[in-house]
Amino acid sequence: MGVVAKRSSMTFFSDGASHYSHRVRIVLAEKGVTVDIVDVDADNKPAELADLNPYNSLPTLLDRDLALYESKVMMEYLDERFPHPPLLPVYPVARGQSRLWMYRIERDWCRLVDLIDNPKTKAKEADAARKELRESLSGVAPIFDDKPYFMSDEFTLVDCCLAPILWRLPKLGVEIAKTKQTTPLFKYMDLIFARESFQASLSEAELDMRTQLKS
């Protein structure tokens, strides 16, 4: 991964197309954890997954006898298990604020991504979700003028949640116009996407999301 690997006996069951799996892979890469990543077809899951996870869902992280199956729990567990580099602020107030940002990303943006990505979503509903996501991201774009990362001078778990969504915008059919207002958001995307851990985290499916755009 280009960073010093920290020995571990972890297995990560990952959906290569899912932004929830992607966010955990970014943390794993950022921490330099040695992990066996099992790329799972969401429609053809291995039998052992149901034994580890009562919801038989992805992603699932196995660390020896501990199985975790909620992405934010995995991210915070990894941050505590491998404290360097830290991906949450030291002080309780700032940590609480970061957790609220992650919660808001899930409520405001992940919900829309999931709606657009769901093949059962009606075209009219998907178009409405695209419009809402585009307008919401464009509206918050100026905040990236204040600090290089999401409301922070340092790369955090909040960025790990947001980056996979931004990477998927072309695949989702969400095009954000390049204007004076949105320029800070594009600079943020360039910064995040060039990060070594982000590049190391990409699955083949995720690489194709942008490769197809260039071809």
N, C-alpha and C. Protein backbone atom coordinates (compact mmCIF):
# COMPACT_ATOMS: atom_id res chain seq x y z
N MET A 1 0.81 -1.21 0.00
CA MET A 1 0.00 0.00 0.00
C MET A 1 0.86 1.27 0.00
N GLY A 2 2.18 1.09 0.02
CA GLY A 2 3.04 2.25 -0.02
C GLY A 2 3.32 2.86 1.36
N VAL A 3 2.80 2.23 2.43
CA VAL A 3 3.06 2.70 3.79
C VAL A 3 3.52 1.51 4.61
N VAL A 4 4.07 1.78 5.79
CA VAL A 4 4.57 0.70 6.64
C VAL A 4 3.41 -0.18 7.09
N ALA A 5 3.45 -1.45 6.75
CA ALA A 5 2.35 -2.36 7.08
C ALA A 5 2.41 -2.75 8.55
N LYS A 6 1.24 -2.76 9.18
CA LYS A 6 1.14 -3.18 10.57
C LYS A 6 0.51 -4.55 10.60
N ARG A 7 1.18 -5.48 11.23
CA ARG A 7 0.76 -6.87 11.20
C ARG A 7 -0.63 -7.06 11.79
N SER A 8 -1.41 -7.86 11.12
CA SER A 8 -2.77 -8.09 11.59
C SER A 8 -3.23 -9.43 11.04
N SER A 9 -4.27 -9.95 11.66
CA SER A 9 -4.88 -11.19 11.17
C SER A 9 -6.31 -10.88 10.75
N MET A 10 -6.48 -9.82 9.98
CA MET A 10 -7.80 -9.35 9.60
C MET A 10 -8.22 -9.84 8.23
N THR A 11 -9.54 -10.04 8.11
CA THR A 11 -10.14 -10.32 6.82
C THR A 11 -11.28 -9.32 6.63
N PHE A 12 -11.31 -8.70 5.46
CA PHE A 12 -12.35 -7.72 5.18
C PHE A 12 -13.16 -8.20 3.98
N PHE A 13 -14.43 -8.49 4.23
CA PHE A 13 -15.35 -8.88 3.17
C PHE A 13 -15.94 -7.61 2.58
N SER A 14 -15.59 -7.35 1.34
CA SER A 14 -15.86 -6.05 0.74
C SER A 14 -16.66 -6.18 -0.55
N ASP A 15 -17.59 -5.26 -0.74
CA ASP A 15 -18.28 -5.10 -2.03
C ASP A 15 -17.53 -4.03 -2.79
N GLY A 16 -16.88 -4.40 -3.88
CA GLY A 16 -16.02 -3.49 -4.62
C GLY A 16 -16.73 -2.30 -5.22
N ALA A 17 -18.06 -2.33 -5.28
CA ALA A 17 -18.81 -1.23 -5.86
C ALA A 17 -19.49 -0.36 -4.80
N SER A 18 -19.44 -0.76 -3.55
CA SER A 18 -20.19 -0.08 -2.49
C SER A 18 -19.38 1.02 -1.82
N HIS A 19 -19.98 2.18 -1.64
CA HIS A 19 -19.27 3.28 -0.98
C HIS A 19 -19.08 2.99 0.51
N TYR A 20 -19.92 2.14 1.09
CA TYR A 20 -19.73 1.78 2.50
C TYR A 20 -18.49 0.90 2.67
N SER A 21 -18.26 -0.02 1.75
CA SER A 21 -17.03 -0.82 1.79
C SER A 21 -15.82 0.05 1.49
N HIS A 22 -15.99 0.97 0.55
CA HIS A 22 -14.88 1.82 0.13
C HIS A 22 -14.35 2.66 1.30
N ARG A 23 -15.24 3.21 2.11
CA ARG A 23 -14.80 4.07 3.21
C ARG A 23 -13.92 3.30 4.19
N VAL A 24 -14.24 2.03 4.42
CA VAL A 24 -13.42 1.22 5.34
C VAL A 24 -12.09 0.89 4.70
N ARG A 25 -12.09 0.62 3.39
CA ARG A 25 -10.83 0.34 2.71
C ARG A 25 -9.89 1.54 2.75
N ILE A 26 -10.45 2.75 2.72
CA ILE A 26 -9.60 3.94 2.84
C ILE A 26 -8.93 3.97 4.21
N VAL A 27 -9.68 3.66 5.26
CA VAL A 27 -9.10 3.65 6.60
C VAL A 27 -8.02 2.58 6.70
N LEU A 28 -8.29 1.40 6.18
CA LEU A 28 -7.29 0.32 6.20
C LEU A 28 -6.01 0.76 5.50
N ALA A 29 -6.16 1.42 4.35
CA ALA A 29 -4.98 1.88 3.60
C ALA A 29 -4.28 3.01 4.34
N GLU A 30 -5.04 3.91 4.93
CA GLU A 30 -4.46 5.03 5.67
C GLU A 30 -3.63 4.52 6.85
N LYS A 31 -4.11 3.47 7.49
CA LYS A 31 -3.42 2.91 8.65
C LYS A 31 -2.30 1.95 8.25
N GLY A 32 -2.28 1.54 6.99
CA GLY A 32 -1.25 0.60 6.55
C GLY A 32 -1.42 -0.78 7.13
N VAL A 33 -2.67 -1.20 7.32
CA VAL A 33 -2.96 -2.49 7.94
C VAL A 33 -2.81 -3.62 6.92
N THR A 34 -2.15 -4.69 7.34
CA THR A 34 -2.10 -5.89 6.52
C THR A 34 -3.41 -6.63 6.68
N VAL A 35 -4.16 -6.75 5.60
CA VAL A 35 -5.51 -7.31 5.67
C VAL A 35 -5.78 -8.12 4.41
N ASP A 36 -6.50 -9.20 4.58
CA ASP A 36 -6.94 -10.01 3.45
C ASP A 36 -8.29 -9.47 2.99
N ILE A 37 -8.30 -8.79 1.85
CA ILE A 37 -9.54 -8.22 1.33
C ILE A 37 -10.20 -9.23 0.40
N VAL A 38 -11.40 -9.65 0.77
CA VAL A 38 -12.16 -10.60 -0.03
C VAL A 38 -13.23 -9.82 -0.79
N ASP A 39 -13.06 -9.74 -2.10
CA ASP A 39 -14.02 -9.00 -2.93
C ASP A 39 -15.23 -9.91 -3.17
N VAL A 40 -16.37 -9.52 -2.63
CA VAL A 40 -17.56 -10.37 -2.63
C VAL A 40 -18.60 -9.83 -3.60
N ASP A 41 -19.17 -10.72 -4.37
CA ASP A 41 -20.31 -10.38 -5.21
C ASP A 41 -21.54 -10.29 -4.28
N ALA A 42 -22.14 -9.12 -4.23
CA ALA A 42 -23.27 -8.91 -3.31
C ALA A 42 -24.43 -9.85 -3.59
N ASP A 43 -24.51 -10.36 -4.81
CA ASP A 43 -25.59 -11.28 -5.16
C ASP A 43 -25.20 -12.75 -5.00
N ASN A 44 -23.96 -12.98 -4.61
CA ASN A 44 -23.48 -14.37 -4.46
C ASN A 44 -22.49 -14.42 -3.30
N LYS A 45 -22.99 -14.24 -2.10
CA LYS A 45 -22.13 -14.14 -0.91
C LYS A 45 -21.67 -15.51 -0.44
N PRO A 46 -20.45 -15.59 0.08
CA PRO A 46 -19.96 -16.87 0.60
C PRO A 46 -20.75 -17.31 1.83
N ALA A 47 -20.89 -18.60 2.02
CA ALA A 47 -21.67 -19.13 3.14
C ALA A 47 -21.12 -18.69 4.49
N GLU A 48 -19.80 -18.53 4.58
CA GLU A 48 -19.19 -18.17 5.86
C GLU A 48 -19.61 -16.78 6.33
N LEU A 49 -20.03 -15.92 5.40
CA LEU A 49 -20.42 -14.57 5.79
C LEU A 49 -21.64 -14.59 6.72
N ALA A 50 -22.59 -15.45 6.41
CA ALA A 50 -23.79 -15.55 7.24
C ALA A 50 -23.46 -16.08 8.64
N ASP A 51 -22.41 -16.88 8.74
CA ASP A 51 -21.98 -17.38 10.05
C ASP A 51 -21.34 -16.27 10.89
N LEU A 52 -20.70 -15.32 10.23
CA LEU A 52 -20.01 -14.25 10.93
C LEU A 52 -20.92 -13.07 11.24
N ASN A 53 -21.87 -12.83 10.35
CA ASN A 53 -22.68 -11.62 10.40
C ASN A 53 -24.16 -12.01 10.37
N PRO A 54 -24.90 -11.74 11.43
CA PRO A 54 -26.32 -12.16 11.47
C PRO A 54 -27.18 -11.51 10.39
N TYR A 55 -26.69 -10.41 9.81
CA TYR A 55 -27.43 -9.74 8.75
C TYR A 55 -26.95 -10.15 7.36
N ASN A 56 -25.87 -10.97 7.32
CA ASN A 56 -25.30 -11.44 6.05
C ASN A 56 -25.06 -10.26 5.09
N SER A 57 -24.52 -9.17 5.65
CA SER A 57 -24.37 -7.93 4.89
C SER A 57 -22.91 -7.59 4.65
N LEU A 58 -22.71 -6.68 3.73
CA LEU A 58 -21.39 -6.16 3.40
C LEU A 58 -21.37 -4.66 3.70
N PRO A 59 -20.22 -4.17 4.18
CA PRO A 59 -18.98 -4.89 4.46
C PRO A 59 -19.02 -5.60 5.81
N THR A 60 -18.09 -6.55 5.98
CA THR A 60 -17.90 -7.23 7.26
C THR A 60 -16.40 -7.33 7.52
N LEU A 61 -16.00 -6.96 8.72
CA LEU A 61 -14.59 -7.01 9.10
C LEU A 61 -14.39 -8.06 10.18
N LEU A 62 -13.47 -8.98 9.93
CA LEU A 62 -13.15 -10.05 10.88
C LEU A 62 -11.74 -9.82 11.40
N ASP A 63 -11.63 -9.65 12.72
CA ASP A 63 -10.33 -9.49 13.38
C ASP A 63 -10.23 -10.56 14.45
N ARG A 64 -9.55 -11.64 14.12
CA ARG A 64 -9.50 -12.82 14.98
C ARG A 64 -10.92 -13.32 15.26
N ASP A 65 -11.37 -13.22 16.52
CA ASP A 65 -12.71 -13.73 16.86
C ASP A 65 -13.78 -12.64 16.83
N LEU A 66 -13.39 -11.45 16.49
CA LEU A 66 -14.33 -10.33 16.47
C LEU A 66 -14.82 -10.06 15.05
N ALA A 67 -16.13 -10.05 14.87
CA ALA A 67 -16.73 -9.72 13.56
C ALA A 67 -17.53 -8.44 13.70
N LEU A 68 -17.22 -7.47 12.86
CA LEU A 68 -17.92 -6.18 12.86
C LEU A 68 -18.66 -6.03 11.54
N TYR A 69 -19.88 -5.49 11.60
CA TYR A 69 -20.67 -5.42 10.37
C TYR A 69 -21.44 -4.12 10.24
N GLU A 70 -20.86 -3.03 10.70
CA GLU A 70 -21.39 -1.68 10.44
C GLU A 70 -20.19 -0.80 10.14
N SER A 71 -20.22 -0.09 9.01
CA SER A 71 -19.02 0.56 8.51
C SER A 71 -18.44 1.60 9.48
N LYS A 72 -19.28 2.41 10.11
CA LYS A 72 -18.74 3.44 11.02
C LYS A 72 -18.12 2.80 12.26
N VAL A 73 -18.71 1.69 12.72
CA VAL A 73 -18.13 0.96 13.85
C VAL A 73 -16.75 0.43 13.46
N MET A 74 -16.64 -0.12 12.26
CA MET A 74 -15.35 -0.62 11.76
C MET A 74 -14.31 0.49 11.71
N MET A 75 -14.72 1.64 11.19
CA MET A 75 -13.78 2.75 11.02
C MET A 75 -13.24 3.23 12.37
N GLU A 76 -14.12 3.38 13.34
CA GLU A 76 -13.68 3.83 14.66
C GLU A 76 -12.86 2.76 15.37
N TYR A 77 -13.24 1.50 15.17
CA TYR A 77 -12.47 0.39 15.76
C TYR A 77 -11.04 0.40 15.22
N LEU A 78 -10.92 0.56 13.90
CA LEU A 78 -9.59 0.59 13.30
C LEU A 78 -8.77 1.78 13.78
N ASP A 79 -9.45 2.91 13.98
CA ASP A 79 -8.74 4.10 14.44
C ASP A 79 -8.22 3.91 15.86
N GLU A 80 -8.97 3.16 16.68
CA GLU A 80 -8.52 2.90 18.04
C GLU A 80 -7.49 1.77 18.08
N ARG A 81 -7.69 0.78 17.24
CA ARG A 81 -6.78 -0.37 17.23
C ARG A 81 -5.41 0.00 16.67
N PHE A 82 -5.40 0.90 15.70
CA PHE A 82 -4.15 1.38 15.08
C PHE A 82 -4.14 2.91 15.20
N PRO A 83 -3.64 3.44 16.32
CA PRO A 83 -3.82 4.86 16.62
C PRO A 83 -3.06 5.84 15.73
N HIS A 84 -2.12 5.35 14.94
CA HIS A 84 -1.34 6.26 14.11
C HIS A 84 -1.46 5.90 12.63
N PRO A 85 -1.76 6.89 11.78
CA PRO A 85 -2.10 8.27 12.14
C PRO A 85 -3.53 8.35 12.68
N PRO A 86 -3.80 9.24 13.62
CA PRO A 86 -5.15 9.38 14.17
C PRO A 86 -6.10 9.96 13.12
N LEU A 87 -7.30 9.42 13.07
CA LEU A 87 -8.28 9.89 12.08
C LEU A 87 -9.51 10.51 12.73
N LEU A 88 -9.43 10.72 14.05
CA LEU A 88 -10.43 11.50 14.77
C LEU A 88 -9.69 12.48 15.67
N PRO A 89 -10.26 13.65 15.92
CA PRO A 89 -9.59 14.62 16.79
C PRO A 89 -9.38 14.06 18.20
N VAL A 90 -8.44 14.66 18.91
CA VAL A 90 -8.11 14.22 20.26
C VAL A 90 -9.17 14.64 21.26
N TYR A 91 -9.67 15.85 21.15
CA TYR A 91 -10.55 16.40 22.18
C TYR A 91 -12.00 15.95 21.98
N PRO A 92 -12.70 15.66 23.09
CA PRO A 92 -14.06 15.11 23.02
C PRO A 92 -15.04 15.96 22.22
N VAL A 93 -14.98 17.28 22.37
CA VAL A 93 -15.92 18.14 21.64
C VAL A 93 -15.71 18.01 20.14
N ALA A 94 -14.44 18.04 19.72
CA ALA A 94 -14.14 17.92 18.30
C ALA A 94 -14.47 16.52 17.78
N ARG A 95 -14.25 15.51 18.60
CA ARG A 95 -14.61 14.14 18.20
C ARG A 95 -16.12 14.01 18.02
N GLY A 96 -16.86 14.61 18.96
CA GLY A 96 -18.31 14.58 18.85
C GLY A 96 -18.79 15.28 17.60
N GLN A 97 -18.16 16.40 17.27
CA GLN A 97 -18.55 17.13 16.06
C GLN A 97 -18.26 16.30 14.81
N SER A 98 -17.13 15.60 14.79
CA SER A 98 -16.80 14.74 13.65
C SER A 98 -17.82 13.63 13.49
N ARG A 99 -18.26 13.05 14.61
CA ARG A 99 -19.28 11.99 14.54
C ARG A 99 -20.60 12.55 14.02
N LEU A 100 -20.91 13.79 14.38
CA LEU A 100 -22.13 14.41 13.86
C LEU A 100 -22.03 14.65 12.35
N TRP A 101 -20.84 15.06 11.89
CA TRP A 101 -20.66 15.24 10.44
C TRP A 101 -20.86 13.92 9.71
N MET A 102 -20.33 12.84 10.27
CA MET A 102 -20.52 11.53 9.64
C MET A 102 -21.99 11.14 9.61
N TYR A 103 -22.68 11.44 10.71
CA TYR A 103 -24.11 11.15 10.78
C TYR A 103 -24.87 11.94 9.72
N ARG A 104 -24.52 13.21 9.57
CA ARG A 104 -25.21 14.05 8.59
C ARG A 104 -24.91 13.61 7.15
N ILE A 105 -23.68 13.17 6.89
CA ILE A 105 -23.35 12.65 5.56
C ILE A 105 -24.22 11.45 5.25
N GLU A 106 -24.41 10.58 6.24
CA GLU A 106 -25.26 9.40 6.03
C GLU A 106 -26.71 9.81 5.79
N ARG A 107 -27.22 10.72 6.60
CA ARG A 107 -28.62 11.12 6.50
C ARG A 107 -28.90 11.94 5.23
N ASP A 108 -27.97 12.82 4.89
CA ASP A 108 -28.23 13.77 3.81
C ASP A 108 -27.76 13.27 2.44
N TRP A 109 -26.62 12.59 2.40
CA TRP A 109 -26.03 12.24 1.10
C TRP A 109 -26.01 10.75 0.81
N CYS A 110 -25.65 9.93 1.79
CA CYS A 110 -25.63 8.49 1.55
C CYS A 110 -27.02 7.98 1.18
N ARG A 111 -28.02 8.56 1.82
CA ARG A 111 -29.41 8.19 1.52
C ARG A 111 -29.72 8.41 0.04
N LEU A 112 -29.25 9.53 -0.51
CA LEU A 112 -29.50 9.85 -1.92
C LEU A 112 -28.71 8.93 -2.84
N VAL A 113 -27.45 8.66 -2.47
CA VAL A 113 -26.62 7.75 -3.28
C VAL A 113 -27.28 6.37 -3.35
N ASP A 114 -27.75 5.88 -2.22
CA ASP A 114 -28.38 4.56 -2.17
C ASP A 114 -29.66 4.54 -3.01
N LEU A 115 -30.38 5.63 -2.99
CA LEU A 115 -31.62 5.72 -3.78
C LEU A 115 -31.31 5.69 -5.27
N ILE A 116 -30.31 6.46 -5.69
CA ILE A 116 -29.93 6.50 -7.10
C ILE A 116 -29.40 5.16 -7.56
N ASP A 117 -28.62 4.52 -6.69
CA ASP A 117 -27.94 3.26 -7.04
C ASP A 117 -28.88 2.06 -7.05
N ASN A 118 -30.02 2.18 -6.41
CA ASN A 118 -30.94 1.05 -6.30
C ASN A 118 -31.69 0.84 -7.62
N PRO A 119 -31.51 -0.32 -8.27
CA PRO A 119 -32.18 -0.56 -9.55
C PRO A 119 -33.70 -0.56 -9.45
N LYS A 120 -34.24 -0.69 -8.25
CA LYS A 120 -35.69 -0.69 -8.06
C LYS A 120 -36.27 0.72 -7.96
N THR A 121 -35.39 1.72 -7.85
CA THR A 121 -35.86 3.09 -7.75
C THR A 121 -36.45 3.56 -9.09
N LYS A 122 -37.60 4.16 -9.03
CA LYS A 122 -38.24 4.67 -10.25
C LYS A 122 -37.42 5.83 -10.82
N ALA A 123 -37.46 5.97 -12.14
CA ALA A 123 -36.64 6.98 -12.81
C ALA A 123 -36.90 8.39 -12.28
N LYS A 124 -38.15 8.71 -12.03
CA LYS A 124 -38.48 10.04 -11.54
C LYS A 124 -37.89 10.29 -10.15
N GLU A 125 -37.93 9.28 -9.30
CA GLU A 125 -37.36 9.41 -7.96
C GLU A 125 -35.84 9.52 -8.02
N ALA A 126 -35.23 8.75 -8.91
CA ALA A 126 -33.77 8.80 -9.06
C ALA A 126 -33.33 10.17 -9.57
N ASP A 127 -34.06 10.73 -10.51
CA ASP A 127 -33.73 12.06 -11.03
C ASP A 127 -33.86 13.13 -9.95
N ALA A 128 -34.89 12.99 -9.12
CA ALA A 128 -35.08 13.94 -8.02
C ALA A 128 -33.93 13.83 -7.01
N ALA A 129 -33.48 12.60 -6.76
CA ALA A 129 -32.36 12.39 -5.84
C ALA A 129 -31.07 12.97 -6.41
N ARG A 130 -30.86 12.82 -7.72
CA ARG A 130 -29.67 13.39 -8.37
C ARG A 130 -29.67 14.91 -8.23
N LYS A 131 -30.82 15.50 -8.46
CA LYS A 131 -30.94 16.96 -8.35
C LYS A 131 -30.66 17.42 -6.92
N GLU A 132 -31.21 16.71 -5.95
CA GLU A 132 -31.01 17.08 -4.55
C GLU A 132 -29.54 16.93 -4.15
N LEU A 133 -28.91 15.85 -4.58
CA LEU A 133 -27.50 15.62 -4.25
C LEU A 133 -26.62 16.69 -4.90
N ARG A 134 -26.88 16.98 -6.17
CA ARG A 134 -26.10 17.99 -6.88
C ARG A 134 -26.22 19.36 -6.20
N GLU A 135 -27.44 19.74 -5.87
CA GLU A 135 -27.65 21.05 -5.26
C GLU A 135 -27.08 21.13 -3.86
N SER A 136 -27.18 20.04 -3.11
CA SER A 136 -26.67 20.02 -1.75
C SER A 136 -25.14 20.13 -1.72
N LEU A 137 -24.48 19.36 -2.58
CA LEU A 137 -23.01 19.41 -2.64
C LEU A 137 -22.53 20.77 -3.15
N SER A 138 -23.22 21.31 -4.13
CA SER A 138 -22.86 22.63 -4.65
C SER A 138 -23.04 23.69 -3.57
N GLY A 139 -24.07 23.52 -2.75
CA GLY A 139 -24.34 24.49 -1.70
C GLY A 139 -23.29 24.53 -0.61
N VAL A 140 -22.69 23.37 -0.30
CA VAL A 140 -21.68 23.34 0.78
C VAL A 140 -20.27 23.55 0.25
N ALA A 141 -20.11 23.60 -1.07
CA ALA A 141 -18.77 23.70 -1.67
C ALA A 141 -17.89 24.80 -1.06
N PRO A 142 -18.44 25.99 -0.75
CA PRO A 142 -17.58 27.06 -0.23
C PRO A 142 -16.88 26.73 1.10
N ILE A 143 -17.38 25.76 1.86
CA ILE A 143 -16.73 25.47 3.15
C ILE A 143 -15.30 24.96 2.96
N PHE A 144 -15.01 24.42 1.79
CA PHE A 144 -13.67 23.88 1.54
C PHE A 144 -12.66 24.98 1.27
N ASP A 145 -13.12 26.23 1.24
CA ASP A 145 -12.21 27.36 1.13
C ASP A 145 -11.54 27.65 2.47
N ASP A 146 -12.20 27.25 3.56
CA ASP A 146 -11.72 27.58 4.90
C ASP A 146 -10.63 26.64 5.37
N LYS A 147 -10.80 25.34 5.10
CA LYS A 147 -9.83 24.34 5.54
C LYS A 147 -9.62 23.32 4.41
N PRO A 148 -8.46 22.67 4.37
CA PRO A 148 -8.19 21.75 3.25
C PRO A 148 -9.07 20.51 3.25
N TYR A 149 -9.46 20.04 4.43
CA TYR A 149 -10.30 18.85 4.52
C TYR A 149 -11.68 19.24 5.03
N PHE A 150 -12.55 18.28 5.24
CA PHE A 150 -13.92 18.61 5.62
C PHE A 150 -13.95 19.18 7.04
N MET A 151 -14.07 20.52 7.12
CA MET A 151 -14.14 21.23 8.40
C MET A 151 -12.94 20.90 9.29
N SER A 152 -11.80 20.64 8.70
CA SER A 152 -10.63 20.22 9.48
C SER A 152 -9.34 20.52 8.73
N ASP A 153 -8.28 20.75 9.50
CA ASP A 153 -6.96 20.92 8.90
C ASP A 153 -6.30 19.58 8.63
N GLU A 154 -6.86 18.51 9.20
CA GLU A 154 -6.30 17.17 9.05
C GLU A 154 -7.31 16.24 8.38
N PHE A 155 -6.79 15.24 7.70
CA PHE A 155 -7.61 14.19 7.08
C PHE A 155 -8.24 13.35 8.20
N THR A 156 -9.56 13.15 8.15
CA THR A 156 -10.26 12.43 9.22
C THR A 156 -11.21 11.38 8.66
N LEU A 157 -11.89 10.70 9.57
CA LEU A 157 -12.89 9.72 9.17
C LEU A 157 -14.03 10.36 8.38
N VAL A 158 -14.27 11.64 8.62
CA VAL A 158 -15.31 12.34 7.87
C VAL A 158 -14.97 12.34 6.38
N ASP A 159 -13.71 12.60 6.06
CA ASP A 159 -13.26 12.57 4.66
C ASP A 159 -13.37 11.16 4.08
N CYS A 160 -13.13 10.16 4.92
CA CYS A 160 -13.24 8.76 4.47
C CYS A 160 -14.68 8.43 4.07
N CYS A 161 -15.65 9.09 4.72
CA CYS A 161 -17.06 8.87 4.38
C CYS A 161 -17.46 9.63 3.12
N LEU A 162 -16.92 10.83 2.97
CA LEU A 162 -17.32 11.69 1.86
C LEU A 162 -16.64 11.32 0.54
N ALA A 163 -15.36 10.97 0.60
CA ALA A 163 -14.59 10.72 -0.62
C ALA A 163 -15.22 9.68 -1.55
N PRO A 164 -15.70 8.52 -1.02
CA PRO A 164 -16.30 7.53 -1.93
C PRO A 164 -17.54 8.05 -2.66
N ILE A 165 -18.29 8.94 -2.01
CA ILE A 165 -19.46 9.51 -2.67
C ILE A 165 -19.03 10.40 -3.83
N LEU A 166 -18.06 11.26 -3.57
CA LEU A 166 -17.59 12.18 -4.61
C LEU A 166 -16.97 11.42 -5.78
N TRP A 167 -16.28 10.32 -5.49
CA TRP A 167 -15.67 9.52 -6.55
C TRP A 167 -16.73 8.93 -7.48
N ARG A 168 -17.91 8.65 -6.92
CA ARG A 168 -18.98 7.98 -7.67
C ARG A 168 -19.91 8.93 -8.42
N LEU A 169 -19.71 10.22 -8.30
CA LEU A 169 -20.64 11.16 -8.91
C LEU A 169 -20.86 10.92 -10.42
N PRO A 170 -19.81 10.70 -11.21
CA PRO A 170 -20.06 10.45 -12.64
C PRO A 170 -20.90 9.19 -12.87
N LYS A 171 -20.62 8.14 -12.12
CA LYS A 171 -21.39 6.89 -12.26
C LYS A 171 -22.84 7.11 -11.87
N LEU A 172 -23.07 7.97 -10.90
CA LEU A 172 -24.43 8.23 -10.43
C LEU A 172 -25.20 9.18 -11.35
N GLY A 173 -24.48 9.76 -12.31
CA GLY A 173 -25.13 10.71 -13.22
C GLY A 173 -25.32 12.07 -12.58
N VAL A 174 -24.47 12.40 -11.61
CA VAL A 174 -24.55 13.69 -10.92
C VAL A 174 -23.40 14.56 -11.40
N GLU A 175 -23.71 15.58 -12.17
CA GLU A 175 -22.69 16.47 -12.71
C GLU A 175 -22.78 17.82 -12.01
N ILE A 176 -21.68 18.22 -11.37
CA ILE A 176 -21.63 19.50 -10.68
C ILE A 176 -20.92 20.50 -11.58
N ALA A 177 -21.57 21.60 -11.86
CA ALA A 177 -20.99 22.61 -12.74
C ALA A 177 -19.79 23.27 -12.06
N LYS A 178 -18.75 23.54 -12.85
CA LYS A 178 -17.58 24.23 -12.32
C LYS A 178 -17.82 25.73 -12.36
N THR A 179 -18.06 26.28 -11.18
CA THR A 179 -18.30 27.71 -11.03
C THR A 179 -17.38 28.25 -9.94
N LYS A 180 -17.43 29.55 -9.72
CA LYS A 180 -16.63 30.14 -8.65
C LYS A 180 -17.02 29.54 -7.30
N GLN A 181 -18.33 29.28 -7.13
CA GLN A 181 -18.79 28.73 -5.86
C GLN A 181 -18.32 27.30 -5.63
N THR A 182 -18.29 26.50 -6.70
CA THR A 182 -17.95 25.07 -6.54
C THR A 182 -16.47 24.78 -6.67
N THR A 183 -15.66 25.77 -7.05
CA THR A 183 -14.22 25.55 -7.23
C THR A 183 -13.56 24.93 -6.00
N PRO A 184 -13.88 25.37 -4.77
CA PRO A 184 -13.26 24.74 -3.60
C PRO A 184 -13.57 23.25 -3.48
N LEU A 185 -14.76 22.83 -3.91
CA LEU A 185 -15.11 21.41 -3.86
C LEU A 185 -14.25 20.61 -4.83
N PHE A 186 -14.04 21.15 -6.03
CA PHE A 186 -13.19 20.46 -7.01
C PHE A 186 -11.75 20.38 -6.53
N LYS A 187 -11.26 21.42 -5.87
CA LYS A 187 -9.91 21.38 -5.32
C LYS A 187 -9.80 20.32 -4.22
N TYR A 188 -10.86 20.23 -3.42
CA TYR A 188 -10.90 19.21 -2.36
C TYR A 188 -10.87 17.81 -2.98
N MET A 189 -11.65 17.59 -4.03
CA MET A 189 -11.67 16.28 -4.68
C MET A 189 -10.29 15.94 -5.24
N ASP A 190 -9.63 16.91 -5.87
CA ASP A 190 -8.29 16.66 -6.41
C ASP A 190 -7.33 16.26 -5.29
N LEU A 191 -7.43 16.95 -4.16
CA LEU A 191 -6.56 16.68 -3.02
C LEU A 191 -6.79 15.27 -2.47
N ILE A 192 -8.06 14.91 -2.28
CA ILE A 192 -8.41 13.62 -1.70
C ILE A 192 -8.08 12.47 -2.66
N PHE A 193 -8.44 12.63 -3.92
CA PHE A 193 -8.25 11.54 -4.88
C PHE A 193 -6.78 11.26 -5.15
N ALA A 194 -5.91 12.27 -4.96
CA ALA A 194 -4.48 12.08 -5.18
C ALA A 194 -3.79 11.46 -3.96
N ARG A 195 -4.50 11.38 -2.87
CA ARG A 195 -3.92 10.85 -1.63
C ARG A 195 -3.53 9.38 -1.83
N GLU A 196 -2.37 9.00 -1.33
CA GLU A 196 -1.85 7.65 -1.53
C GLU A 196 -2.80 6.59 -1.00
N SER A 197 -3.37 6.84 0.17
CA SER A 197 -4.28 5.86 0.76
C SER A 197 -5.55 5.71 -0.08
N PHE A 198 -6.01 6.80 -0.65
CA PHE A 198 -7.22 6.72 -1.47
C PHE A 198 -6.95 5.88 -2.72
N GLN A 199 -5.84 6.13 -3.37
CA GLN A 199 -5.50 5.36 -4.57
C GLN A 199 -5.34 3.87 -4.24
N ALA A 200 -4.73 3.59 -3.08
CA ALA A 200 -4.53 2.19 -2.67
C ALA A 200 -5.85 1.51 -2.33
N SER A 201 -6.85 2.29 -1.97
CA SER A 201 -8.12 1.72 -1.53
C SER A 201 -9.03 1.29 -2.67
N LEU A 202 -8.76 1.75 -3.87
CA LEU A 202 -9.69 1.56 -4.98
C LEU A 202 -9.76 0.10 -5.45
N SER A 203 -10.97 -0.39 -5.58
CA SER A 203 -11.20 -1.72 -6.15
C SER A 203 -11.19 -1.61 -7.68
N GLU A 204 -11.20 -2.75 -8.34
CA GLU A 204 -11.24 -2.73 -9.81
C GLU A 204 -12.52 -2.04 -10.31
N ALA A 205 -13.62 -2.32 -9.64
CA ALA A 205 -14.89 -1.70 -10.03
C ALA A 205 -14.83 -0.19 -9.87
N GLU A 206 -14.18 0.27 -8.82
CA GLU A 206 -14.08 1.71 -8.59
C GLU A 206 -13.12 2.37 -9.57
N LEU A 207 -12.05 1.69 -9.91
CA LEU A 207 -11.16 2.21 -10.93
C LEU A 207 -11.89 2.37 -12.27
N ASP A 208 -12.73 1.42 -12.58
CA ASP A 208 -13.50 1.47 -13.83
C ASP A 208 -14.47 2.65 -13.86
N MET A 209 -14.93 3.09 -12.69
CA MET A 209 -15.88 4.20 -12.65
C MET A 209 -15.30 5.47 -13.27
N ARG A 210 -14.01 5.65 -13.12
CA ARG A 210 -13.35 6.83 -13.67
C ARG A 210 -12.63 6.54 -14.98
N THR A 211 -12.16 5.30 -15.14
CA THR A 211 -11.47 4.93 -16.38
C THR A 211 -12.41 5.03 -17.57
N GLN A 212 -13.64 4.55 -17.37
CA GLN A 212 -14.64 4.59 -18.44
C GLN A 212 -14.99 6.02 -18.80
N LEU A 213 -14.90 6.91 -17.82
CA LEU A 213 -15.21 8.31 -18.05
C LEU A 213 -14.19 8.95 -18.97
N LYS A 214 -12.92 8.52 -18.84
CA LYS A 214 -11.84 9.10 -19.64
C LYS A 214 -11.81 8.54 -21.06
N SER A 215 -12.28 7.27 -21.22
CA SER A 215 -12.17 6.60 -22.52
C SER A 215 -13.25 7.06 -23.49
